[in-house]
Amino acid sequence: VEGDLERAIRELKAERDGEIEVAGPNLAHSLTELGLIDEYRIYLHPSC
């Protein structure tokens, strides 16, 4: 995606049925700011 992130993600959501996964805190933050995140799922991978 280059240019207008909001437009690109709205187009992607309109084209697809089902879920679109987002990885990475920076992208997730940007999409949150644009109001494009419908659901959050937090995955923890504990290690010892």
ModelCIF file with pLDDT and N, C-alpha, C, O atoms, coordinates in Angstrom:
data_MODEL
#
_entry.id   MODEL 
#
_entity.id                         1 
_entity.type                       polymer 
_entity.pdbx_number_of_molecules   1 
#
_entity_poly.entity_id                      1 
_entity_poly.type                           'polypeptide(L)' 
_entity_poly.nstd_linkage                   no 
_entity_poly.nstd_monomer                   no 
_entity_poly.pdbx_seq_one_letter_code       VEGDLERAIRELKAERDGEIEVAGPNLAHSLTELGLIDEYRIYLHPSC 
_entity_poly.pdbx_seq_one_letter_code_can   VEGDLERAIRELKAERDGEIEVAGPNLAHSLTELGLIDEYRIYLHPSC 
_entity_poly.pdbx_strand_id                 A 
#
loop_
_entity_poly_seq.entity_id 
_entity_poly_seq.num 
_entity_poly_seq.mon_id 
_entity_poly_seq.hetero 
1 1  VAL n 
1 2  GLU n 
1 3  GLY n 
1 4  ASP n 
1 5  LEU n 
1 6  GLU n 
1 7  ARG n 
1 8  ALA n 
1 9  ILE n 
1 10 ARG n 
1 11 GLU n 
1 12 LEU n 
1 13 LYS n 
1 14 ALA n 
1 15 GLU n 
1 16 ARG n 
1 17 ASP n 
1 18 GLY n 
1 19 GLU n 
1 20 ILE n 
1 21 GLU n 
1 22 VAL n 
1 23 ALA n 
1 24 GLY n 
1 25 PRO n 
1 26 ASN n 
1 27 LEU n 
1 28 ALA n 
1 29 HIS n 
1 30 SER n 
1 31 LEU n 
1 32 THR n 
1 33 GLU n 
1 34 LEU n 
1 35 GLY n 
1 36 LEU n 
1 37 ILE n 
1 38 ASP n 
1 39 GLU n 
1 40 TYR n 
1 41 ARG n 
1 42 ILE n 
1 43 TYR n 
1 44 LEU n 
1 45 HIS n 
1 46 PRO n 
1 47 SER n 
1 48 CYS n 
#
_struct_asym.id          A 
_struct_asym.entity_id   1 
#
loop_
_ma_qa_metric.id 
_ma_qa_metric.mode 
_ma_qa_metric.name 
_ma_qa_metric.software_group_id 
_ma_qa_metric.type 
1 global pLDDT . pLDDT 
2 local  pLDDT . pLDDT 
#
_ma_qa_metric_global.metric_id      1 
_ma_qa_metric_global.metric_value   88.15 
_ma_qa_metric_global.model_id       1 
_ma_qa_metric_global.ordinal_id     1 
#
loop_
_ma_qa_metric_local.label_asym_id 
_ma_qa_metric_local.label_comp_id 
_ma_qa_metric_local.label_seq_id 
_ma_qa_metric_local.metric_id 
_ma_qa_metric_local.metric_value 
_ma_qa_metric_local.model_id 
_ma_qa_metric_local.ordinal_id 
A VAL 1  2 87.00 1 1  
A GLU 2  2 88.00 1 2  
A GLY 3  2 90.00 1 3  
A ASP 4  2 94.00 1 4  
A LEU 5  2 92.00 1 5  
A GLU 6  2 94.00 1 6  
A ARG 7  2 95.00 1 7  
A ALA 8  2 93.00 1 8  
A ILE 9  2 91.00 1 9  
A ARG 10 2 93.00 1 10 
A GLU 11 2 92.00 1 11 
A LEU 12 2 89.00 1 12 
A LYS 13 2 89.00 1 13 
A ALA 14 2 92.00 1 14 
A GLU 15 2 90.00 1 15 
A ARG 16 2 86.00 1 16 
A ASP 17 2 88.00 1 17 
A GLY 18 2 87.00 1 18 
A GLU 19 2 87.00 1 19 
A ILE 20 2 86.00 1 20 
A GLU 21 2 85.00 1 21 
A VAL 22 2 85.00 1 22 
A ALA 23 2 81.00 1 23 
A GLY 24 2 84.00 1 24 
A PRO 25 2 86.00 1 25 
A ASN 26 2 91.00 1 26 
A LEU 27 2 89.00 1 27 
A ALA 28 2 89.00 1 28 
A HIS 29 2 92.00 1 29 
A SER 30 2 93.00 1 30 
A LEU 31 2 93.00 1 31 
A THR 32 2 93.00 1 32 
A GLU 33 2 94.00 1 33 
A LEU 34 2 94.00 1 34 
A GLY 35 2 93.00 1 35 
A LEU 36 2 92.00 1 36 
A ILE 37 2 90.00 1 37 
A ASP 38 2 87.00 1 38 
A GLU 39 2 87.00 1 39 
A TYR 40 2 85.00 1 40 
A ARG 41 2 84.00 1 41 
A ILE 42 2 81.00 1 42 
A TYR 43 2 80.00 1 43 
A LEU 44 2 83.00 1 44 
A HIS 45 2 80.00 1 45 
A PRO 46 2 83.00 1 46 
A SER 47 2 80.00 1 47 
A CYS 48 2 74.00 1 48 
#
loop_
_atom_site.group_PDB 
_atom_site.id 
_atom_site.type_symbol 
_atom_site.label_atom_id 
_atom_site.label_alt_id 
_atom_site.label_comp_id 
_atom_site.label_asym_id 
_atom_site.label_entity_id 
_atom_site.label_seq_id 
_atom_site.pdbx_PDB_ins_code 
_atom_site.Cartn_x 
_atom_site.Cartn_y 
_atom_site.Cartn_z 
_atom_site.occupancy 
_atom_site.B_iso_or_equiv 
_atom_site.pdbx_formal_charge 
_atom_site.auth_seq_id 
_atom_site.auth_comp_id 
_atom_site.auth_asym_id 
_atom_site.auth_atom_id 
_atom_site.pdbx_PDB_model_num 
ATOM 1   N N  . VAL A 1 1  ? 0.854   -1.188  0.000  1.00 87.00 ? 1  VAL A N  1 
ATOM 2   C CA . VAL A 1 1  ? 0.000   0.000   0.000  1.00 87.00 ? 1  VAL A CA 1 
ATOM 3   C C  . VAL A 1 1  ? 0.888   1.235   0.000  1.00 87.00 ? 1  VAL A C  1 
ATOM 4   O O  . VAL A 1 1  ? 1.747   1.404   0.865  1.00 87.00 ? 1  VAL A O  1 
ATOM 5   N N  . GLU A 1 2  ? 0.665   2.082   -0.975 1.00 88.00 ? 2  GLU A N  1 
ATOM 6   C CA . GLU A 1 2  ? 1.377   3.359   -1.044 1.00 88.00 ? 2  GLU A CA 1 
ATOM 7   C C  . GLU A 1 2  ? 0.334   4.463   -1.140 1.00 88.00 ? 2  GLU A C  1 
ATOM 8   O O  . GLU A 1 2  ? -0.709  4.285   -1.768 1.00 88.00 ? 2  GLU A O  1 
ATOM 9   N N  . GLY A 1 3  ? 0.610   5.571   -0.534 1.00 90.00 ? 3  GLY A N  1 
ATOM 10  C CA . GLY A 1 3  ? -0.323  6.687   -0.628 1.00 90.00 ? 3  GLY A CA 1 
ATOM 11  C C  . GLY A 1 3  ? -1.344  6.680   0.489  1.00 90.00 ? 3  GLY A C  1 
ATOM 12  O O  . GLY A 1 3  ? -0.986  6.620   1.665  1.00 90.00 ? 3  GLY A O  1 
ATOM 13  N N  . ASP A 1 4  ? -2.615  6.739   0.127  1.00 94.00 ? 4  ASP A N  1 
ATOM 14  C CA . ASP A 1 4  ? -3.713  6.894   1.078  1.00 94.00 ? 4  ASP A CA 1 
ATOM 15  C C  . ASP A 1 4  ? -4.040  5.562   1.755  1.00 94.00 ? 4  ASP A C  1 
ATOM 16  O O  . ASP A 1 4  ? -4.719  4.717   1.172  1.00 94.00 ? 4  ASP A O  1 
ATOM 17  N N  . LEU A 1 5  ? -3.561  5.379   2.972  1.00 92.00 ? 5  LEU A N  1 
ATOM 18  C CA . LEU A 1 5  ? -3.763  4.135   3.713  1.00 92.00 ? 5  LEU A CA 1 
ATOM 19  C C  . LEU A 1 5  ? -5.242  3.882   3.967  1.00 92.00 ? 5  LEU A C  1 
ATOM 20  O O  . LEU A 1 5  ? -5.728  2.770   3.759  1.00 92.00 ? 5  LEU A O  1 
ATOM 21  N N  . GLU A 1 6  ? -5.955  4.898   4.412  1.00 94.00 ? 6  GLU A N  1 
ATOM 22  C CA . GLU A 1 6  ? -7.374  4.714   4.729  1.00 94.00 ? 6  GLU A CA 1 
ATOM 23  C C  . GLU A 1 6  ? -8.155  4.242   3.514  1.00 94.00 ? 6  GLU A C  1 
ATOM 24  O O  . GLU A 1 6  ? -8.941  3.299   3.614  1.00 94.00 ? 6  GLU A O  1 
ATOM 25  N N  . ARG A 1 7  ? -7.957  4.869   2.393  1.00 95.00 ? 7  ARG A N  1 
ATOM 26  C CA . ARG A 1 7  ? -8.660  4.480   1.162  1.00 95.00 ? 7  ARG A CA 1 
ATOM 27  C C  . ARG A 1 7  ? -8.319  3.051   0.760  1.00 95.00 ? 7  ARG A C  1 
ATOM 28  O O  . ARG A 1 7  ? -9.202  2.274   0.399  1.00 95.00 ? 7  ARG A O  1 
ATOM 29  N N  . ALA A 1 8  ? -7.039  2.709   0.824  1.00 93.00 ? 8  ALA A N  1 
ATOM 30  C CA . ALA A 1 8  ? -6.603  1.371   0.434  1.00 93.00 ? 8  ALA A CA 1 
ATOM 31  C C  . ALA A 1 8  ? -7.226  0.298   1.326  1.00 93.00 ? 8  ALA A C  1 
ATOM 32  O O  . ALA A 1 8  ? -7.648  -0.747  0.831  1.00 93.00 ? 8  ALA A O  1 
ATOM 33  N N  . ILE A 1 9  ? -7.286  0.543   2.629  1.00 91.00 ? 9  ILE A N  1 
ATOM 34  C CA . ILE A 1 9  ? -7.842  -0.452  3.547  1.00 91.00 ? 9  ILE A CA 1 
ATOM 35  C C  . ILE A 1 9  ? -9.353  -0.538  3.393  1.00 91.00 ? 9  ILE A C  1 
ATOM 36  O O  . ILE A 1 9  ? -9.916  -1.631  3.455  1.00 91.00 ? 9  ILE A O  1 
ATOM 37  N N  . ARG A 1 10 ? -10.015 0.586   3.195  1.00 93.00 ? 10 ARG A N  1 
ATOM 38  C CA . ARG A 1 10 ? -11.466 0.548   2.969  1.00 93.00 ? 10 ARG A CA 1 
ATOM 39  C C  . ARG A 1 10 ? -11.784 -0.240  1.693  1.00 93.00 ? 10 ARG A C  1 
ATOM 40  O O  . ARG A 1 10 ? -12.744 -1.011  1.675  1.00 93.00 ? 10 ARG A O  1 
ATOM 41  N N  . GLU A 1 11 ? -11.007 -0.063  0.644  1.00 92.00 ? 11 GLU A N  1 
ATOM 42  C CA . GLU A 1 11 ? -11.197 -0.831  -0.597 1.00 92.00 ? 11 GLU A CA 1 
ATOM 43  C C  . GLU A 1 11 ? -10.966 -2.316  -0.346 1.00 92.00 ? 11 GLU A C  1 
ATOM 44  O O  . GLU A 1 11 ? -11.736 -3.154  -0.816 1.00 92.00 ? 11 GLU A O  1 
ATOM 45  N N  . LEU A 1 12 ? -9.926  -2.642  0.383  1.00 89.00 ? 12 LEU A N  1 
ATOM 46  C CA . LEU A 1 12 ? -9.613  -4.033  0.696  1.00 89.00 ? 12 LEU A CA 1 
ATOM 47  C C  . LEU A 1 12 ? -10.757 -4.671  1.483  1.00 89.00 ? 12 LEU A C  1 
ATOM 48  O O  . LEU A 1 12 ? -11.161 -5.796  1.188  1.00 89.00 ? 12 LEU A O  1 
ATOM 49  N N  . LYS A 1 13 ? -11.275 -3.967  2.471  1.00 89.00 ? 13 LYS A N  1 
ATOM 50  C CA . LYS A 1 13 ? -12.387 -4.490  3.275  1.00 89.00 ? 13 LYS A CA 1 
ATOM 51  C C  . LYS A 1 13 ? -13.641 -4.681  2.413  1.00 89.00 ? 13 LYS A C  1 
ATOM 52  O O  . LYS A 1 13 ? -14.392 -5.633  2.625  1.00 89.00 ? 13 LYS A O  1 
ATOM 53  N N  . ALA A 1 14 ? -13.872 -3.799  1.457  1.00 92.00 ? 14 ALA A N  1 
ATOM 54  C CA . ALA A 1 14 ? -15.035 -3.913  0.579  1.00 92.00 ? 14 ALA A CA 1 
ATOM 55  C C  . ALA A 1 14 ? -14.899 -5.081  -0.392 1.00 92.00 ? 14 ALA A C  1 
ATOM 56  O O  . ALA A 1 14 ? -15.897 -5.698  -0.762 1.00 92.00 ? 14 ALA A O  1 
ATOM 57  N N  . GLU A 1 15 ? -13.685 -5.386  -0.802 1.00 90.00 ? 15 GLU A N  1 
ATOM 58  C CA . GLU A 1 15 ? -13.424 -6.470  -1.755 1.00 90.00 ? 15 GLU A CA 1 
ATOM 59  C C  . GLU A 1 15 ? -13.528 -7.854  -1.131 1.00 90.00 ? 15 GLU A C  1 
ATOM 60  O O  . GLU A 1 15 ? -13.859 -8.816  -1.824 1.00 90.00 ? 15 GLU A O  1 
ATOM 61  N N  . ARG A 1 16 ? -13.256 -7.972  0.143  1.00 86.00 ? 16 ARG A N  1 
ATOM 62  C CA . ARG A 1 16 ? -13.112 -9.264  0.793  1.00 86.00 ? 16 ARG A CA 1 
ATOM 63  C C  . ARG A 1 16 ? -14.255 -9.551  1.757  1.00 86.00 ? 16 ARG A C  1 
ATOM 64  O O  . ARG A 1 16 ? -14.768 -8.654  2.426  1.00 86.00 ? 16 ARG A O  1 
ATOM 65  N N  . ASP A 1 17 ? -14.637 -10.808 1.810  1.00 88.00 ? 17 ASP A N  1 
ATOM 66  C CA . ASP A 1 17 ? -15.515 -11.290 2.870  1.00 88.00 ? 17 ASP A CA 1 
ATOM 67  C C  . ASP A 1 17 ? -14.627 -11.942 3.917  1.00 88.00 ? 17 ASP A C  1 
ATOM 68  O O  . ASP A 1 17 ? -13.579 -12.495 3.586  1.00 88.00 ? 17 ASP A O  1 
ATOM 69  N N  . GLY A 1 18 ? -15.027 -11.883 5.142  1.00 87.00 ? 18 GLY A N  1 
ATOM 70  C CA . GLY A 1 18 ? -14.255 -12.543 6.189  1.00 87.00 ? 18 GLY A CA 1 
ATOM 71  C C  . GLY A 1 18 ? -13.310 -11.592 6.878  1.00 87.00 ? 18 GLY A C  1 
ATOM 72  O O  . GLY A 1 18 ? -13.516 -10.379 6.894  1.00 87.00 ? 18 GLY A O  1 
ATOM 73  N N  . GLU A 1 19 ? -12.277 -12.161 7.442  1.00 87.00 ? 19 GLU A N  1 
ATOM 74  C CA . GLU A 1 19 ? -11.362 -11.414 8.298  1.00 87.00 ? 19 GLU A CA 1 
ATOM 75  C C  . GLU A 1 19 ? -10.103 -10.997 7.556  1.00 87.00 ? 19 GLU A C  1 
ATOM 76  O O  . GLU A 1 19 ? -9.614  -11.698 6.670  1.00 87.00 ? 19 GLU A O  1 
ATOM 77  N N  . ILE A 1 20 ? -9.603  -9.857  7.937  1.00 86.00 ? 20 ILE A N  1 
ATOM 78  C CA . ILE A 1 20 ? -8.312  -9.364  7.460  1.00 86.00 ? 20 ILE A CA 1 
ATOM 79  C C  . ILE A 1 20 ? -7.444  -9.218  8.700  1.00 86.00 ? 20 ILE A C  1 
ATOM 80  O O  . ILE A 1 20 ? -7.794  -8.492  9.630  1.00 86.00 ? 20 ILE A O  1 
ATOM 81  N N  . GLU A 1 21 ? -6.328  -9.900  8.710  1.00 85.00 ? 21 GLU A N  1 
ATOM 82  C CA . GLU A 1 21 ? -5.438  -9.839  9.864  1.00 85.00 ? 21 GLU A CA 1 
ATOM 83  C C  . GLU A 1 21 ? -4.396  -8.746  9.674  1.00 85.00 ? 21 GLU A C  1 
ATOM 84  O O  . GLU A 1 21 ? -3.902  -8.514  8.570  1.00 85.00 ? 21 GLU A O  1 
ATOM 85  N N  . VAL A 1 22 ? -4.083  -8.094  10.760 1.00 85.00 ? 22 VAL A N  1 
ATOM 86  C CA . VAL A 1 22 ? -3.077  -7.033  10.768 1.00 85.00 ? 22 VAL A CA 1 
ATOM 87  C C  . VAL A 1 22 ? -2.027  -7.415  11.791 1.00 85.00 ? 22 VAL A C  1 
ATOM 88  O O  . VAL A 1 22 ? -2.357  -7.819  12.906 1.00 85.00 ? 22 VAL A O  1 
ATOM 89  N N  . ALA A 1 23 ? -0.785  -7.291  11.423 1.00 81.00 ? 23 ALA A N  1 
ATOM 90  C CA . ALA A 1 23 ? 0.298   -7.604  12.360 1.00 81.00 ? 23 ALA A CA 1 
ATOM 91  C C  . ALA A 1 23 ? 1.187   -6.377  12.513 1.00 81.00 ? 23 ALA A C  1 
ATOM 92  O O  . ALA A 1 23 ? 1.411   -5.624  11.565 1.00 81.00 ? 23 ALA A O  1 
ATOM 93  N N  . GLY A 1 24 ? 1.671   -6.202  13.693 1.00 84.00 ? 24 GLY A N  1 
ATOM 94  C CA . GLY A 1 24 ? 2.607   -5.114  13.960 1.00 84.00 ? 24 GLY A CA 1 
ATOM 95  C C  . GLY A 1 24 ? 1.937   -3.945  14.643 1.00 84.00 ? 24 GLY A C  1 
ATOM 96  O O  . GLY A 1 24 ? 0.848   -3.525  14.250 1.00 84.00 ? 24 GLY A O  1 
ATOM 97  N N  . PRO A 1 25 ? 2.584   -3.420  15.664 1.00 86.00 ? 25 PRO A N  1 
ATOM 98  C CA . PRO A 1 25 ? 1.971   -2.344  16.443 1.00 86.00 ? 25 PRO A CA 1 
ATOM 99  C C  . PRO A 1 25 ? 1.813   -1.038  15.678 1.00 86.00 ? 25 PRO A C  1 
ATOM 100 O O  . PRO A 1 25 ? 0.850   -0.310  15.918 1.00 86.00 ? 25 PRO A O  1 
ATOM 101 N N  . ASN A 1 26 ? 2.713   -0.720  14.778 1.00 91.00 ? 26 ASN A N  1 
ATOM 102 C CA . ASN A 1 26 ? 2.620   0.548   14.057 1.00 91.00 ? 26 ASN A CA 1 
ATOM 103 C C  . ASN A 1 26 ? 1.434   0.562   13.102 1.00 91.00 ? 26 ASN A C  1 
ATOM 104 O O  . ASN A 1 26 ? 0.677   1.533   13.064 1.00 91.00 ? 26 ASN A O  1 
ATOM 105 N N  . LEU A 1 27 ? 1.269   -0.502  12.336 1.00 89.00 ? 27 LEU A N  1 
ATOM 106 C CA . LEU A 1 27 ? 0.134   -0.580  11.422 1.00 89.00 ? 27 LEU A CA 1 
ATOM 107 C C  . LEU A 1 27 ? -1.172  -0.642  12.198 1.00 89.00 ? 27 LEU A C  1 
ATOM 108 O O  . LEU A 1 27 ? -2.138  0.033   11.842 1.00 89.00 ? 27 LEU A O  1 
ATOM 109 N N  . ALA A 1 28 ? -1.211  -1.439  13.243 1.00 89.00 ? 28 ALA A N  1 
ATOM 110 C CA . ALA A 1 28 ? -2.421  -1.534  14.062 1.00 89.00 ? 28 ALA A CA 1 
ATOM 111 C C  . ALA A 1 28 ? -2.785  -0.170  14.650 1.00 89.00 ? 28 ALA A C  1 
ATOM 112 O O  . ALA A 1 28 ? -3.958  0.199   14.688 1.00 89.00 ? 28 ALA A O  1 
ATOM 113 N N  . HIS A 1 29 ? -1.798  0.563   15.099 1.00 92.00 ? 29 HIS A N  1 
ATOM 114 C CA . HIS A 1 29 ? -2.052  1.897   15.642 1.00 92.00 ? 29 HIS A CA 1 
ATOM 115 C C  . HIS A 1 29 ? -2.621  2.824   14.570 1.00 92.00 ? 29 HIS A C  1 
ATOM 116 O O  . HIS A 1 29 ? -3.588  3.545   14.819 1.00 92.00 ? 29 HIS A O  1 
ATOM 117 N N  . SER A 1 30 ? -2.028  2.806   13.388 1.00 93.00 ? 30 SER A N  1 
ATOM 118 C CA . SER A 1 30 ? -2.508  3.655   12.292 1.00 93.00 ? 30 SER A CA 1 
ATOM 119 C C  . SER A 1 30 ? -3.948  3.324   11.930 1.00 93.00 ? 30 SER A C  1 
ATOM 120 O O  . SER A 1 30 ? -4.759  4.227   11.726 1.00 93.00 ? 30 SER A O  1 
ATOM 121 N N  . LEU A 1 31 ? -4.271  2.043   11.851 1.00 93.00 ? 31 LEU A N  1 
ATOM 122 C CA . LEU A 1 31 ? -5.627  1.644   11.498 1.00 93.00 ? 31 LEU A CA 1 
ATOM 123 C C  . LEU A 1 31 ? -6.616  1.950   12.619 1.00 93.00 ? 31 LEU A C  1 
ATOM 124 O O  . LEU A 1 31 ? -7.782  2.242   12.352 1.00 93.00 ? 31 LEU A O  1 
ATOM 125 N N  . THR A 1 32 ? -6.165  1.885   13.861 1.00 93.00 ? 32 THR A N  1 
ATOM 126 C CA . THR A 1 32 ? -7.002  2.268   14.993 1.00 93.00 ? 32 THR A CA 1 
ATOM 127 C C  . THR A 1 32 ? -7.330  3.754   14.916 1.00 93.00 ? 32 THR A C  1 
ATOM 128 O O  . THR A 1 32 ? -8.480  4.152   15.105 1.00 93.00 ? 32 THR A O  1 
ATOM 129 N N  . GLU A 1 33 ? -6.331  4.563   14.642 1.00 94.00 ? 33 GLU A N  1 
ATOM 130 C CA . GLU A 1 33 ? -6.535  6.007   14.522 1.00 94.00 ? 33 GLU A CA 1 
ATOM 131 C C  . GLU A 1 33 ? -7.547  6.338   13.420 1.00 94.00 ? 33 GLU A C  1 
ATOM 132 O O  . GLU A 1 33 ? -8.287  7.315   13.535 1.00 94.00 ? 33 GLU A O  1 
ATOM 133 N N  . LEU A 1 34 ? -7.584  5.529   12.351 1.00 94.00 ? 34 LEU A N  1 
ATOM 134 C CA . LEU A 1 34 ? -8.508  5.745   11.240 1.00 94.00 ? 34 LEU A CA 1 
ATOM 135 C C  . LEU A 1 34 ? -9.874  5.110   11.480 1.00 94.00 ? 34 LEU A C  1 
ATOM 136 O O  . LEU A 1 34 ? -10.784 5.269   10.665 1.00 94.00 ? 34 LEU A O  1 
ATOM 137 N N  . GLY A 1 35 ? -10.023 4.394   12.590 1.00 93.00 ? 35 GLY A N  1 
ATOM 138 C CA . GLY A 1 35 ? -11.295 3.747   12.908 1.00 93.00 ? 35 GLY A CA 1 
ATOM 139 C C  . GLY A 1 35 ? -11.582 2.523   12.056 1.00 93.00 ? 35 GLY A C  1 
ATOM 140 O O  . GLY A 1 35 ? -12.742 2.203   11.795 1.00 93.00 ? 35 GLY A O  1 
ATOM 141 N N  . LEU A 1 36 ? -10.530 1.836   11.621 1.00 92.00 ? 36 LEU A N  1 
ATOM 142 C CA . LEU A 1 36 ? -10.693 0.701   10.712 1.00 92.00 ? 36 LEU A CA 1 
ATOM 143 C C  . LEU A 1 36 ? -10.534 -0.657  11.373 1.00 92.00 ? 36 LEU A C  1 
ATOM 144 O O  . LEU A 1 36 ? -10.612 -1.676  10.687 1.00 92.00 ? 36 LEU A O  1 
ATOM 145 N N  . ILE A 1 37 ? -10.315 -0.707  12.674 1.00 90.00 ? 37 ILE A N  1 
ATOM 146 C CA . ILE A 1 37 ? -10.184 -1.979  13.379 1.00 90.00 ? 37 ILE A CA 1 
ATOM 147 C C  . ILE A 1 37 ? -11.546 -2.340  13.967 1.00 90.00 ? 37 ILE A C  1 
ATOM 148 O O  . ILE A 1 37 ? -12.120 -1.579  14.747 1.00 90.00 ? 37 ILE A O  1 
ATOM 149 N N  . ASP A 1 38 ? -12.054 -3.509  13.584 1.00 87.00 ? 38 ASP A N  1 
ATOM 150 C CA . ASP A 1 38 ? -13.352 -3.963  14.084 1.00 87.00 ? 38 ASP A CA 1 
ATOM 151 C C  . ASP A 1 38 ? -13.229 -4.812  15.343 1.00 87.00 ? 38 ASP A C  1 
ATOM 152 O O  . ASP A 1 38 ? -14.130 -4.819  16.182 1.00 87.00 ? 38 ASP A O  1 
ATOM 153 N N  . GLU A 1 39 ? -12.131 -5.516  15.474 1.00 87.00 ? 39 GLU A N  1 
ATOM 154 C CA . GLU A 1 39 ? -11.969 -6.441  16.595 1.00 87.00 ? 39 GLU A CA 1 
ATOM 155 C C  . GLU A 1 39 ? -10.485 -6.600  16.897 1.00 87.00 ? 39 GLU A C  1 
ATOM 156 O O  . GLU A 1 39 ? -9.648  -6.641  15.995 1.00 87.00 ? 39 GLU A O  1 
ATOM 157 N N  . TYR A 1 40 ? -10.182 -6.688  18.180 1.00 85.00 ? 40 TYR A N  1 
ATOM 158 C CA . TYR A 1 40 ? -8.803  -6.920  18.611 1.00 85.00 ? 40 TYR A CA 1 
ATOM 159 C C  . TYR A 1 40 ? -8.683  -8.331  19.162 1.00 85.00 ? 40 TYR A C  1 
ATOM 160 O O  . TYR A 1 40 ? -9.552  -8.796  19.899 1.00 85.00 ? 40 TYR A O  1 
ATOM 161 N N  . ARG A 1 41 ? -7.613  -9.002  18.804 1.00 84.00 ? 41 ARG A N  1 
ATOM 162 C CA . ARG A 1 41 ? -7.274  -10.304 19.388 1.00 84.00 ? 41 ARG A CA 1 
ATOM 163 C C  . ARG A 1 41 ? -5.815  -10.225 19.814 1.00 84.00 ? 41 ARG A C  1 
ATOM 164 O O  . ARG A 1 41 ? -4.925  -9.967  19.004 1.00 84.00 ? 41 ARG A O  1 
ATOM 165 N N  . ILE A 1 42 ? -5.599  -10.445 21.063 1.00 81.00 ? 42 ILE A N  1 
ATOM 166 C CA . ILE A 1 42 ? -4.250  -10.379 21.604 1.00 81.00 ? 42 ILE A CA 1 
ATOM 167 C C  . ILE A 1 42 ? -3.728  -11.801 21.773 1.00 81.00 ? 42 ILE A C  1 
ATOM 168 O O  . ILE A 1 42 ? -4.364  -12.630 22.423 1.00 81.00 ? 42 ILE A O  1 
ATOM 169 N N  . TYR A 1 43 ? -2.586  -12.072 21.193 1.00 80.00 ? 43 TYR A N  1 
ATOM 170 C CA . TYR A 1 43 ? -1.941  -13.376 21.320 1.00 80.00 ? 43 TYR A CA 1 
ATOM 171 C C  . TYR A 1 43 ? -0.664  -13.203 22.127 1.00 80.00 ? 43 TYR A C  1 
ATOM 172 O O  . TYR A 1 43 ? 0.210   -12.415 21.767 1.00 80.00 ? 43 TYR A O  1 
ATOM 173 N N  . LEU A 1 44 ? -0.568  -13.935 23.201 1.00 83.00 ? 44 LEU A N  1 
ATOM 174 C CA . LEU A 1 44 ? 0.626   -13.911 24.034 1.00 83.00 ? 44 LEU A CA 1 
ATOM 175 C C  . LEU A 1 44 ? 1.380   -15.221 23.853 1.00 83.00 ? 44 LEU A C  1 
ATOM 176 O O  . LEU A 1 44 ? 0.787   -16.299 23.828 1.00 83.00 ? 44 LEU A O  1 
ATOM 177 N N  . HIS A 1 45 ? 2.668   -15.109 23.730 1.00 80.00 ? 45 HIS A N  1 
ATOM 178 C CA . HIS A 1 45 ? 3.518   -16.283 23.603 1.00 80.00 ? 45 HIS A CA 1 
ATOM 179 C C  . HIS A 1 45 ? 4.510   -16.282 24.767 1.00 80.00 ? 45 HIS A C  1 
ATOM 180 O O  . HIS A 1 45 ? 5.635   -15.801 24.633 1.00 80.00 ? 45 HIS A O  1 
ATOM 181 N N  . PRO A 1 46 ? 4.083   -16.824 25.906 1.00 83.00 ? 46 PRO A N  1 
ATOM 182 C CA . PRO A 1 46 ? 4.983   -16.811 27.057 1.00 83.00 ? 46 PRO A CA 1 
ATOM 183 C C  . PRO A 1 46 ? 6.218   -17.675 26.806 1.00 83.00 ? 46 PRO A C  1 
ATOM 184 O O  . PRO A 1 46 ? 6.162   -18.692 26.114 1.00 83.00 ? 46 PRO A O  1 
ATOM 185 N N  . SER A 1 47 ? 7.295   -17.253 27.368 1.00 80.00 ? 47 SER A N  1 
ATOM 186 C CA . SER A 1 47 ? 8.518   -18.044 27.269 1.00 80.00 ? 47 SER A CA 1 
ATOM 187 C C  . SER A 1 47 ? 9.205   -18.036 28.628 1.00 80.00 ? 47 SER A C  1 
ATOM 188 O O  . SER A 1 47 ? 8.954   -17.179 29.476 1.00 80.00 ? 47 SER A O  1 
ATOM 189 N N  . CYS A 1 48 ? 10.061  -19.001 28.800 1.00 74.00 ? 48 CYS A N  1 
ATOM 190 C CA . CYS A 1 48 ? 10.767  -19.131 30.064 1.00 74.00 ? 48 CYS A CA 1 
ATOM 191 C C  . CYS A 1 48 ? 12.241  -19.371 29.757 1.00 74.00 ? 48 CYS A C  1 
ATOM 192 O O  . CYS A 1 48 ? 13.047  -19.515 30.676 1.00 74.00 ? 48 CYS A O  1 
#
